[in-house]
Protein backbone atom coordinates (compact mmCIF):
# COMPACT_ATOMS: atom_id res chain seq x y z
CA UNK A 1 37.71 -38.79 -34.59
CA UNK A 2 39.31 -36.56 -37.11
CA UNK A 3 37.68 -33.02 -37.47
CA UNK A 4 39.01 -30.16 -39.63
CA UNK A 5 40.28 -26.75 -38.01
CA UNK A 6 37.27 -24.99 -39.16
CA UNK A 7 34.81 -27.44 -37.18
CA UNK A 8 37.07 -27.42 -34.59
CA UNK A 9 37.08 -23.47 -34.03
CA UNK A 10 32.93 -23.83 -34.14
CA UNK A 11 33.03 -26.78 -31.60
CA UNK A 12 35.13 -24.38 -29.32
CA UNK A 13 32.76 -21.90 -29.50
CA UNK A 14 29.76 -23.49 -28.46
CA UNK A 15 29.11 -22.77 -24.72
CA UNK A 16 28.96 -26.66 -23.84
CA UNK A 17 30.47 -30.01 -24.50
CA UNK A 18 29.27 -31.78 -28.02
CA UNK A 19 29.23 -35.51 -27.71
CA UNK A 20 28.47 -38.67 -29.74
CA UNK A 21 27.18 -40.92 -27.42
CA UNK A 22 26.99 -44.69 -28.80
CA UNK A 23 24.67 -47.46 -27.53
CA UNK A 24 25.67 -51.01 -28.68
CA UNK A 25 23.18 -53.81 -29.17
CA UNK A 26 24.19 -54.90 -25.90
CA UNK A 27 22.87 -51.89 -24.08
CA UNK A 28 26.29 -50.78 -23.36
CA UNK A 29 27.14 -46.97 -23.72
CA UNK A 30 30.35 -45.07 -25.33
CA UNK A 31 31.55 -41.88 -26.16
CA UNK A 32 33.20 -41.88 -29.76
CA UNK A 33 33.82 -38.18 -29.71
CA UNK A 34 33.65 -35.63 -26.84
CA UNK A 35 34.76 -32.03 -27.75
CA UNK A 36 38.05 -30.74 -26.09
CA UNK A 37 36.58 -28.05 -23.79
CA UNK A 38 35.25 -30.52 -21.26
CA UNK A 39 37.50 -29.63 -18.25
CA UNK A 40 36.03 -26.31 -17.42
CA UNK A 41 32.70 -27.62 -17.08
CA UNK A 42 33.06 -31.28 -15.99
CA UNK A 43 36.49 -31.21 -14.41
CA UNK A 44 37.26 -34.05 -16.86
CA UNK A 45 39.57 -34.63 -19.76
CA UNK A 46 37.97 -35.80 -23.09
CA UNK A 47 40.12 -38.83 -23.45
CA UNK A 48 39.18 -40.11 -19.90
CA UNK A 49 35.51 -39.95 -20.88
CA UNK A 50 36.28 -41.61 -24.13
CA UNK A 51 38.34 -44.33 -22.85
CA UNK A 52 35.66 -45.35 -20.03
CA UNK A 53 31.92 -43.69 -20.26
CA UNK A 54 31.28 -45.09 -16.69
CA UNK A 55 33.95 -42.11 -15.55
CA UNK A 56 31.04 -39.47 -16.87
CA UNK A 57 27.98 -41.51 -16.17
CA UNK A 58 29.05 -42.53 -12.75
CA UNK A 59 29.22 -38.86 -11.86
CA UNK A 60 25.43 -38.35 -12.51
CA UNK A 61 23.93 -37.98 -8.71
CA UNK A 62 22.39 -41.27 -7.40
CA UNK A 63 19.25 -39.99 -7.28
CA UNK A 64 19.03 -39.01 -10.67
CA UNK A 65 20.72 -42.34 -12.06
CA UNK A 66 17.38 -44.13 -12.45
CA UNK A 67 15.51 -41.33 -14.40
CA UNK A 68 18.59 -40.57 -16.40
CA UNK A 69 18.81 -44.35 -17.82
CA UNK A 70 15.02 -44.58 -18.42
CA UNK A 71 14.87 -41.27 -20.54
CA UNK A 72 17.86 -42.91 -22.57
CA UNK A 73 15.84 -46.24 -22.90
CA UNK A 74 12.58 -44.38 -23.95
CA UNK A 75 14.39 -42.20 -26.61
CA UNK A 76 16.06 -45.53 -27.79
CA UNK A 77 12.84 -46.94 -28.38
CA UNK A 78 11.03 -44.04 -30.00
CA UNK A 79 14.03 -42.23 -31.76
CA UNK A 80 12.63 -38.88 -30.34
CA UNK A 81 15.07 -35.87 -29.56
CA UNK A 82 16.36 -36.88 -26.26
CA UNK A 83 16.69 -33.98 -23.57
CA UNK A 84 17.35 -34.40 -19.73
CA UNK A 85 18.80 -32.38 -17.03
CA UNK A 86 20.10 -33.26 -13.66
CA UNK A 87 22.32 -32.87 -10.88
CA UNK A 88 25.88 -33.84 -11.82
CA UNK A 89 28.87 -34.60 -9.03
CA UNK A 90 32.20 -32.96 -10.20
CA UNK A 91 35.40 -34.68 -8.94
CA UNK A 92 36.19 -31.85 -6.79
CA UNK A 93 32.45 -32.54 -5.15
CA UNK A 94 30.91 -29.67 -6.30
CA UNK A 95 27.41 -30.09 -7.79
CA UNK A 96 26.11 -28.63 -11.07
CA UNK A 97 22.96 -29.01 -13.10
CA UNK A 98 23.62 -30.40 -16.59
CA UNK A 99 21.38 -30.16 -19.45
CA UNK A 100 21.79 -33.21 -22.02
CA UNK A 101 20.29 -32.68 -25.54
CA UNK A 102 20.67 -34.85 -28.45
CA UNK A 103 19.21 -36.43 -31.88
CA UNK A 104 19.13 -40.26 -32.04
CA UNK A 105 19.74 -42.53 -34.91
CA UNK A 106 20.00 -46.00 -35.57
CA UNK A 107 23.39 -47.38 -36.93
CA UNK A 108 24.77 -51.02 -37.15
CA UNK A 109 22.12 -52.38 -34.98
CA UNK A 110 23.01 -49.58 -31.97
CA UNK A 111 21.55 -46.03 -31.15
CA UNK A 112 24.03 -43.05 -32.00
CA UNK A 113 23.25 -39.68 -30.37
CA UNK A 114 24.77 -36.53 -31.77
CA UNK A 115 24.34 -33.66 -28.87
CA UNK A 116 25.54 -31.12 -26.36
CA UNK A 117 25.57 -30.94 -22.61
CA UNK A 118 25.06 -27.31 -21.21
CA UNK A 119 25.78 -26.10 -17.63
CA UNK A 120 22.64 -24.63 -16.68
CA UNK A 121 23.55 -23.85 -12.57
CA UNK A 122 23.64 -20.39 -12.82
CA UNK A 123 20.66 -20.04 -14.66
CA UNK A 124 18.76 -22.26 -12.78
CA UNK A 125 20.05 -20.36 -9.65
CA UNK A 126 19.11 -17.13 -11.28
CA UNK A 127 15.64 -18.53 -11.83
CA UNK A 128 15.26 -19.61 -8.29
CA UNK A 129 16.37 -16.19 -7.05
CA UNK A 130 13.72 -14.62 -9.33
CA UNK A 131 11.34 -16.71 -8.30
CA UNK A 132 11.94 -16.07 -4.82
CA UNK A 133 11.99 -12.47 -5.62
CA UNK A 134 9.00 -12.34 -7.43
CA UNK A 135 7.04 -14.30 -4.71
CA UNK A 136 8.41 -11.73 -2.06
CA UNK A 137 6.93 -8.88 -4.42
CA UNK A 138 3.75 -11.02 -4.59
CA UNK A 139 3.46 -11.23 -1.03
CA UNK A 140 4.52 -7.42 -0.65
CA UNK A 141 1.84 -6.31 -2.89
CA UNK A 142 -0.47 -8.73 -1.29
CA UNK A 143 0.16 -7.07 2.21
CA UNK A 144 0.05 -3.77 0.65
CA UNK A 145 -3.32 -4.57 -0.93
CA UNK A 146 -4.67 -5.59 2.24
CA UNK A 147 -3.36 -2.69 4.05
CA UNK A 148 -4.79 -0.34 1.19
CA UNK A 149 -8.16 -2.13 1.52
CA UNK A 150 -8.22 -1.30 4.99
CA UNK A 151 -7.13 2.55 4.74
CA UNK A 152 -10.03 2.70 1.99
CA UNK A 153 -12.55 1.21 4.26
CA UNK A 154 -11.27 3.38 7.42
CA UNK A 155 -11.50 6.33 5.19
CA UNK A 156 -14.90 5.54 3.73
CA UNK A 157 -16.03 5.11 7.52
CA UNK A 158 -14.61 8.25 8.53
CA UNK A 159 -16.15 9.91 5.34
CA UNK A 160 -19.42 8.42 6.26
CA UNK A 161 -19.20 9.60 9.89
CA UNK A 162 -18.37 13.41 8.79
CA UNK A 163 -21.03 13.22 6.27
CA UNK A 164 -23.53 12.01 8.80
CA UNK A 165 -22.48 14.16 11.76
CA UNK A 166 -25.27 16.33 13.36
CA UNK A 167 -22.93 19.33 13.49
CA UNK A 168 -22.42 21.28 10.03
CA UNK A 169 -18.82 20.82 8.97
CA UNK A 170 -16.74 23.09 6.16
CA UNK A 171 -14.01 22.75 4.69
CA UNK A 172 -12.57 25.75 3.13
CA UNK A 173 -9.25 27.19 1.41
CA UNK A 174 -7.09 30.44 1.89
CA UNK A 175 -9.92 32.34 0.29
CA UNK A 176 -12.56 30.90 2.31
CA UNK A 177 -14.32 29.16 -0.54
CA UNK A 178 -15.73 25.89 0.37
CA UNK A 179 -14.11 22.54 -1.10
CA UNK A 180 -16.27 20.33 1.15
CA UNK A 181 -19.77 20.59 3.33
CA UNK A 182 -21.56 17.74 4.75
CA UNK A 183 -25.36 17.01 4.86
CA UNK A 184 -25.88 18.72 8.12
CA UNK A 185 -24.20 21.95 6.76
CA UNK A 186 -26.86 21.76 3.78
CA UNK A 187 -29.95 21.17 5.93
CA UNK A 188 -28.67 23.86 8.33
CA UNK A 189 -28.41 26.76 5.62
CA UNK A 190 -31.11 25.49 3.35
CA UNK A 191 -28.65 25.07 0.60
CA UNK A 192 -27.71 22.04 -1.86
CA UNK A 193 -24.30 20.88 -1.87
CA UNK A 194 -23.45 22.01 -5.30
CA UNK A 195 -24.74 25.67 -4.27
CA UNK A 196 -22.66 25.89 -1.34
CA UNK A 197 -19.47 24.34 -3.05
CA UNK A 198 -19.68 27.35 -5.29
CA UNK A 199 -19.94 29.76 -2.26
CA UNK A 200 -17.60 30.95 0.48
CA UNK A 201 -17.71 31.53 4.06
CA UNK A 202 -17.98 35.21 3.72
CA UNK A 203 -21.36 34.82 2.10
CA UNK A 204 -22.99 33.36 4.86
CA UNK A 205 -21.20 34.75 7.52
CA UNK A 206 -21.31 38.71 8.16
CA UNK A 207 -18.76 38.32 10.85
CA UNK A 208 -16.12 37.17 8.20
CA UNK A 209 -16.17 39.81 5.26
CA UNK A 210 -13.90 39.53 2.40
CA UNK A 211 -11.93 42.88 3.55
CA UNK A 212 -10.60 41.19 6.51
CA UNK A 213 -10.75 37.71 5.87
CA UNK A 214 -7.04 37.48 5.41
CA UNK A 215 -6.43 38.74 8.63
CA UNK A 216 -8.62 36.31 10.23
CA UNK A 217 -6.96 33.56 8.29
CA UNK A 218 -3.54 34.57 9.34
CA UNK A 219 -4.79 34.70 12.91
CA UNK A 220 -6.17 31.30 12.70
CA UNK A 221 -3.01 29.90 10.90
CA UNK A 222 -0.80 31.81 13.90
CA UNK A 223 -3.27 30.27 16.64
CA UNK A 224 -4.10 26.68 14.81
CA UNK A 225 -7.47 26.74 16.59
CA UNK A 226 -10.34 29.52 17.34
CA UNK A 227 -13.64 29.13 18.94
CA UNK A 228 -16.19 31.98 18.03
CA UNK A 229 -19.84 32.90 18.24
CA UNK A 230 -21.34 34.37 14.99
CA UNK A 231 -24.54 34.43 13.19
CA UNK A 232 -25.24 32.87 9.85
CA UNK A 233 -27.72 33.59 6.95
CA UNK A 234 -29.62 30.77 5.83
CA UNK A 235 -30.82 31.07 1.88
CA UNK A 236 -34.08 32.32 2.92
CA UNK A 237 -32.45 35.30 4.51
CA UNK A 238 -32.96 34.43 8.19
CA UNK A 239 -30.42 34.90 10.65
CA UNK A 240 -29.51 32.59 13.46
CA UNK A 241 -26.76 32.07 15.95
CA UNK A 242 -24.04 29.53 15.44
CA UNK A 243 -21.01 28.37 17.54
CA UNK A 244 -18.01 27.91 15.19
CA UNK A 245 -14.88 25.83 16.08
CA UNK A 246 -12.20 26.68 13.46
CA UNK A 247 -9.02 24.47 12.86
CA UNK A 248 -6.23 25.30 10.65
CA UNK A 249 -4.40 22.54 8.69
CA UNK A 250 -1.66 22.07 6.23
CA UNK A 251 -1.67 18.89 3.85
CA UNK A 252 1.43 18.70 1.69
CA UNK A 253 1.59 22.17 -0.14
CA UNK A 254 -2.08 23.02 0.32
CA UNK A 255 -3.65 25.12 3.37
CA UNK A 256 -7.40 24.32 4.72
CA UNK A 257 -9.42 25.73 7.26
CA UNK A 258 -12.00 23.39 8.54
CA UNK A 259 -15.38 24.60 10.57
CA UNK A 260 -17.30 22.51 12.83
CA UNK A 261 -20.74 24.66 13.27
CA UNK A 262 -23.57 24.36 15.73
CA UNK A 263 -26.89 25.99 15.86
CA UNK A 264 -27.25 27.38 19.26
CA UNK A 265 -30.47 29.08 18.48
CA UNK A 266 -32.16 26.66 21.40
CA UNK A 267 -29.15 27.67 23.78
CA UNK A 268 -29.83 31.47 23.32
CA UNK A 269 -33.35 31.09 23.54
CA UNK A 270 -32.93 29.65 26.80
CA UNK A 271 -30.44 32.13 28.04
CA UNK A 272 -32.57 34.72 27.16
CA UNK A 273 -35.40 33.09 29.04
CA UNK A 274 -33.16 32.95 32.23
CA UNK A 275 -32.04 36.54 31.81
CA UNK A 276 -35.68 37.55 31.69
CA UNK A 277 -36.52 35.61 34.89
CA UNK A 278 -33.51 36.91 36.66
CA UNK A 279 -34.55 40.49 35.90
CA UNK A 280 -37.99 39.69 36.98
CA UNK A 281 -36.85 38.27 40.05
CA UNK A 282 -34.62 40.91 40.85
CA UNK A 283 -37.18 43.52 40.29
CA UNK A 284 -39.61 41.75 42.70
CA UNK A 285 -36.98 41.62 45.08
CA UNK A 286 -35.68 45.21 44.92
CA UNK A 287 -39.15 46.63 45.39
CA UNK A 288 -40.64 44.19 47.85
CA UNK A 289 -41.77 46.21 51.17
CA UNK A 290 -40.00 43.67 53.40
CA UNK A 291 -36.23 43.42 53.70
CA UNK A 292 -34.77 40.56 51.87
CA UNK A 293 -31.01 39.58 52.57
CA UNK A 294 -28.73 36.51 52.15
CA UNK A 295 -26.26 35.11 55.13
CA UNK A 296 -23.40 33.20 54.58
CA UNK A 297 -22.56 30.08 57.03
CA UNK A 298 -20.59 32.56 59.03
CA UNK A 299 -23.86 34.82 59.63
CA UNK A 300 -22.25 37.62 57.26
CA UNK A 301 -24.90 39.31 54.95
CA UNK A 302 -24.22 38.23 51.23
CA UNK A 303 -27.13 40.17 50.03
CA UNK A 304 -29.55 42.94 51.37
CA UNK A 305 -32.40 44.58 49.36
CA UNK A 306 -31.91 48.03 48.68
CA UNK A 307 -35.00 49.12 50.59
CA UNK A 308 -33.33 48.42 54.14
CA UNK A 309 -32.10 51.94 54.04
CA UNK A 310 -35.86 53.35 54.00
CA UNK A 311 -37.18 50.54 56.66
CA UNK A 312 -34.09 51.26 59.14
């Protein structure tokens, strides 16, 4: 087939092989025209394909042969635009994926297809890589979502435990202002959570006045932990004894103090009863008319009542 120079340049610019395929009335196939640039893609010369169509068609992968010829037959019957892609075995043994696309028309009792063949190996490979990468991303996202869900559940459980802890829990900043208080803290002091979050430790604990708070903070920061006994003031003005465990924490660029507070009123009352009982017992012993003494297992005196001097 003779083509002018302008059309030849257009054909050479197409990234594929332009062809005409003719199906004769007896069903045989031939290629009246094949563009000159077949060698880079098919490793075949156009003259060889035009001389014998089987030189090209036999290169279609054996597993794709039946599908290929069935699609050709269907297109010949319906005259629909034909499109097919499959594996092609090059003379060098390499395998490429070739896409065929052509428009059929009836001529002299046969079918003539005008079409193009495109090498889609790189694109399909890239799609495969992209699909694999996408699947890996989906798997990673799924794993991270599961881990995040577990982390959230753990944080929620931790938050629930702190909220429901029997001891009061306070979070405060470097200025001693509360950033978090649990339910027990509100119950202990008689304030609502909103009221406490607008207050500071200095307002409920006279032992930590604002004037010396920064000194106490630096001491806590240096030691990392501190345990003290103090007195807290309730909303109604009543004072009660507490045992406070303070922990210094630094998260990212912010500093926090965490206080765990326990009401020790009952303990103090018990200690007072014991001190009073001890004082009463000591008074009875020291004022008894008899001599009262304690001996060690070795027979040595470990205690002797004061009236031993008067008696002996």
